[in-house]
C-alpha atoms as a PDB file:
ATOM      1  CA  MET A   1     -11.590   3.726 -19.785  1.00  0.00           C
ATOM      2  CA  ASN A   2      -8.745   6.130 -19.401  1.00  0.00           C
ATOM      3  CA  GLU A   3      -5.645   4.976 -21.301  1.00  0.00           C
ATOM      4  CA  ARG A   4      -3.377   5.811 -18.373  1.00  0.00           C
ATOM      5  CA  SER A   5      -5.356   3.485 -16.107  1.00  0.00           C
ATOM      6  CA  LEU A   6      -4.669   0.659 -18.569  1.00  0.00           C
ATOM      7  CA  ALA A   7      -0.902   1.138 -18.773  1.00  0.00           C
ATOM      8  CA  PRO A   8       1.019  -2.071 -18.018  1.00  0.00           C
ATOM      9  CA  VAL A   9       3.056  -0.218 -15.366  1.00  0.00           C
ATOM     10  CA  HIS A  10       0.075  -0.714 -13.065  1.00  0.00           C
ATOM     11  CA  LEU A  11       0.809  -4.457 -13.057  1.00  0.00           C
ATOM     12  CA  VAL A  12       3.986  -3.909 -11.014  1.00  0.00           C
ATOM     13  CA  LEU A  13       3.409  -0.572  -9.291  1.00  0.00           C
ATOM     14  CA  GLY A  14       1.521  -2.067  -6.327  1.00  0.00           C
ATOM     15  CA  PRO A  15       4.270  -4.559  -5.389  1.00  0.00           C
ATOM     16  CA  VAL A  16       6.929  -1.876  -5.919  1.00  0.00           C
ATOM     17  CA  ILE A  17       5.086   0.440  -3.502  1.00  0.00           C
ATOM     18  CA  TRP A  18       4.734  -2.426  -1.017  1.00  0.00           C
ATOM     19  CA  SER A  19       8.459  -3.244  -1.285  1.00  0.00           C
ATOM     20  CA  ALA A  20       9.427   0.380  -0.705  1.00  0.00           C
ATOM     21  CA  TRP A  21       7.079   0.479   2.309  1.00  0.00           C
ATOM     22  CA  PHE A  22       8.691  -2.691   3.710  1.00  0.00           C
ATOM     23  CA  VAL A  23      12.204  -1.241   3.433  1.00  0.00           C
ATOM     24  CA  LEU A  24      11.181   2.153   4.839  1.00  0.00           C
ATOM     25  CA  LEU A  25       9.175   0.626   7.677  1.00  0.00           C
ATOM     26  CA  TYR A  26      11.902  -1.623   9.024  1.00  0.00           C
ATOM     27  CA  GLY A  27      14.794   0.634   8.086  1.00  0.00           C
ATOM     28  CA  GLY A  28      13.121   3.636   9.684  1.00  0.00           C
ATOM     29  CA  LEU A  29      12.166   1.607  12.730  1.00  0.00           C
ATOM     30  CA  SER A  30      15.770   0.479  13.194  1.00  0.00           C
ATOM     31  CA  VAL A  31      17.107   4.015  12.893  1.00  0.00           C
ATOM     32  CA  ALA A  32      14.457   5.434  15.235  1.00  0.00           C
ATOM     33  CA  CYS A  33      15.118   2.741  17.818  1.00  0.00           C
ATOM     34  CA  GLU A  34      18.857   3.352  17.626  1.00  0.00           C
ATOM     35  CA  PHE A  35      18.728   7.117  18.083  1.00  0.00           C
ATOM     36  CA  ALA A  36      15.558   7.741  20.119  1.00  0.00           C
ATOM     37  CA  PRO A  37      14.294   4.531  21.717  1.00  0.00           C
ATOM     38  CA  PRO A  38      11.041   5.010  23.617  1.00  0.00           C
ATOM     39  CA  ASP A  39      10.535   3.623  27.089  1.00  0.00           C
ATOM     40  CA  PRO A  40       9.360  -0.027  26.852  1.00  0.00           C
ATOM     41  CA  GLU A  41       6.890   0.690  29.661  1.00  0.00           C
ATOM     42  CA  GLN A  42       4.913   2.898  27.246  1.00  0.00           C
ATOM     43  CA  GLY A  43       3.754  -0.177  25.392  1.00  0.00           C
ATOM     44  CA  ALA A  44       2.410   0.335  21.879  1.00  0.00           C
ATOM     45  CA  GLY A  45       1.377   3.956  22.427  1.00  0.00           C
ATOM     46  CA  THR A  46       4.633   5.497  21.242  1.00  0.00           C
ATOM     47  CA  PRO A  47       5.127   8.224  18.639  1.00  0.00           C
ATOM     48  CA  ILE A  48       7.019   5.745  16.469  1.00  0.00           C
ATOM     49  CA  ASN A  49       4.025   3.396  16.332  1.00  0.00           C
ATOM     50  CA  VAL A  50       1.602   6.250  15.741  1.00  0.00           C
ATOM     51  CA  VAL A  51       3.618   7.429  12.729  1.00  0.00           C
ATOM     52  CA  MET A  52       3.894   3.884  11.374  1.00  0.00           C
ATOM     53  CA  ILE A  53       0.173   3.210  11.726  1.00  0.00           C
ATOM     54  CA  ALA A  54      -0.907   6.561  10.282  1.00  0.00           C
ATOM     55  CA  SER A  55       1.388   6.288   7.279  1.00  0.00           C
ATOM     56  CA  ALA A  56       0.318   2.669   6.657  1.00  0.00           C
ATOM     57  CA  VAL A  57      -3.350   3.625   6.681  1.00  0.00           C
ATOM     58  CA  LEU A  58      -2.743   6.532   4.292  1.00  0.00           C
ATOM     59  CA  LEU A  59      -0.699   4.378   1.945  1.00  0.00           C
ATOM     60  CA  ALA A  60      -3.235   1.526   2.004  1.00  0.00           C
ATOM     61  CA  VAL A  61      -6.073   3.946   1.251  1.00  0.00           C
ATOM     62  CA  GLY A  62      -4.029   5.322  -1.643  1.00  0.00           C
ATOM     63  CA  LEU A  63      -3.488   1.831  -3.040  1.00  0.00           C
ATOM     64  CA  VAL A  64      -7.183   0.998  -2.743  1.00  0.00           C
ATOM     65  CA  TYR A  65      -7.941   4.241  -4.588  1.00  0.00           C
ATOM     66  CA  LEU A  66      -5.519   3.244  -7.361  1.00  0.00           C
ATOM     67  CA  SER A  67      -7.285  -0.122  -7.516  1.00  0.00           C
ATOM     68  CA  TYR A  68     -10.598   1.644  -7.899  1.00  0.00           C
ATOM     69  CA  ARG A  69      -9.180   3.895 -10.627  1.00  0.00           C
ATOM     70  CA  CYS A  70      -7.877   0.872 -12.548  1.00  0.00           C
ATOM     71  CA  THR A  71     -11.261  -0.791 -12.377  1.00  0.00           C
ATOM     72  CA  HIS A  72     -13.479   2.252 -12.950  1.00  0.00           C
ATOM     73  CA  GLY A  73     -10.922   4.548 -14.525  1.00  0.00           C
ATOM     74  CA  GLY A  74     -12.993   6.858 -16.618  1.00  0.00           C
ATOM     75  CA  SER A  75     -15.766   6.841 -19.076  1.00  0.00           C
ATOM     76  CA  ALA A  76     -15.024   4.893 -22.208  1.00  0.00           C
ATOM     77  CA  PRO A  77     -17.060   5.201 -25.336  1.00  0.00           C
ATOM     78  CA  LEU A  78     -19.327   2.223 -25.785  1.00  0.00           C
ATOM     79  CA  THR A  79     -17.896   0.590 -28.867  1.00  0.00           C
ATOM     80  CA  GLY A  80     -19.327  -2.840 -28.293  1.00  0.00           C
ATOM     81  CA  THR A  81     -15.922  -4.534 -28.611  1.00  0.00           C
ATOM     82  CA  HIS A  82     -14.232  -6.578 -25.920  1.00  0.00           C
ATOM     83  CA  ASP A  83     -10.453  -6.452 -25.656  1.00  0.00           C
ATOM     84  CA  PRO A  84      -9.143  -9.336 -23.518  1.00  0.00           C
ATOM     85  CA  ALA A  85      -5.749  -7.673 -23.008  1.00  0.00           C
ATOM     86  CA  ARG A  86      -7.369  -4.561 -21.534  1.00  0.00           C
ATOM     87  CA  SER A  87      -9.602  -6.653 -19.301  1.00  0.00           C
ATOM     88  CA  PHE A  88      -6.595  -8.617 -18.056  1.00  0.00           C
ATOM     89  CA  ILE A  89      -4.514  -5.510 -17.321  1.00  0.00           C
ATOM     90  CA  ARG A  90      -7.426  -3.797 -15.611  1.00  0.00           C
ATOM     91  CA  GLY A  91      -8.336  -6.789 -13.414  1.00  0.00           C
ATOM     92  CA  MET A  92      -4.797  -7.866 -12.567  1.00  0.00           C
ATOM     93  CA  SER A  93      -3.646  -4.320 -11.783  1.00  0.00           C
ATOM     94  CA  SER A  94      -6.614  -3.758  -9.530  1.00  0.00           C
ATOM     95  CA  SER A  95      -5.941  -7.047  -7.737  1.00  0.00           C
ATOM     96  CA  MET A  96      -2.254  -6.276  -7.269  1.00  0.00           C
ATOM     97  CA  TYR A  97      -3.083  -2.929  -5.677  1.00  0.00           C
ATOM     98  CA  VAL A  98      -5.511  -4.561  -3.246  1.00  0.00           C
ATOM     99  CA  VAL A  99      -3.031  -7.311  -2.334  1.00  0.00           C
ATOM    100  CA  SER A 100      -0.312  -4.702  -1.796  1.00  0.00           C
ATOM    101  CA  ALA A 101      -2.626  -2.662   0.443  1.00  0.00           C
ATOM    102  CA  ALA A 102      -3.432  -5.792   2.449  1.00  0.00           C
ATOM    103  CA  GLY A 103       0.294  -6.506   2.781  1.00  0.00           C
ATOM    104  CA  ILE A 104       0.929  -3.015   4.114  1.00  0.00           C
ATOM    105  CA  ILE A 105      -1.807  -3.382   6.710  1.00  0.00           C
ATOM    106  CA  ALA A 106      -0.568  -6.864   7.679  1.00  0.00           C
ATOM    107  CA  LEU A 107       2.966  -5.533   8.224  1.00  0.00           C
ATOM    108  CA  THR A 108       1.673  -2.772  10.459  1.00  0.00           C
ATOM    109  CA  ILE A 109      -0.722  -4.781  12.657  1.00  0.00           C
ATOM    110  CA  PRO A 110       1.999  -5.664  15.217  1.00  0.00           C
ATOM    111  CA  SER A 111       2.433  -1.913  15.825  1.00  0.00           C
ATOM    112  CA  LEU A 112      -1.017  -1.883  17.392  1.00  0.00           C
ATOM    113  CA  VAL A 113      -0.012  -4.119  20.286  1.00  0.00           C
ATOM    114  CA  LEU A 114       3.805  -4.289  20.533  1.00  0.00           C
ATOM    115  CA  PRO A 115       6.293  -1.650  21.609  1.00  0.00           C
ATOM    116  CA  PRO A 116       8.527  -0.688  18.679  1.00  0.00           C
ATOM    117  CA  CYS A 117      11.962  -1.345  20.167  1.00  0.00           C
ATOM    118  CA  LEU A 118      12.220  -4.661  21.945  1.00  0.00           C
END
């Protein structure tokens, strides 16, 4: 296992990325709706929604990739020893990335059906 994929920073990086996404999503949506509101008759097919959905999918895929890297991070020499701390960090970090990716997708689902500026 790669030492960088076992760093404790991975325990909090997923929620930090999710929090930044939350602030950027709703802050950016508010600014976009203030300066360039789309016609409500367009429904959900607005450029604002397209950008939100595309960036959410890219970010969620990136988080799932980080989860995969934490779980299968590299080839470790087979020493025959089991380190519980490494197993905890690896499993918890991977889980936090997946939960953060799910949170990003859940925040973006309304963009599929609702107009952005109501």
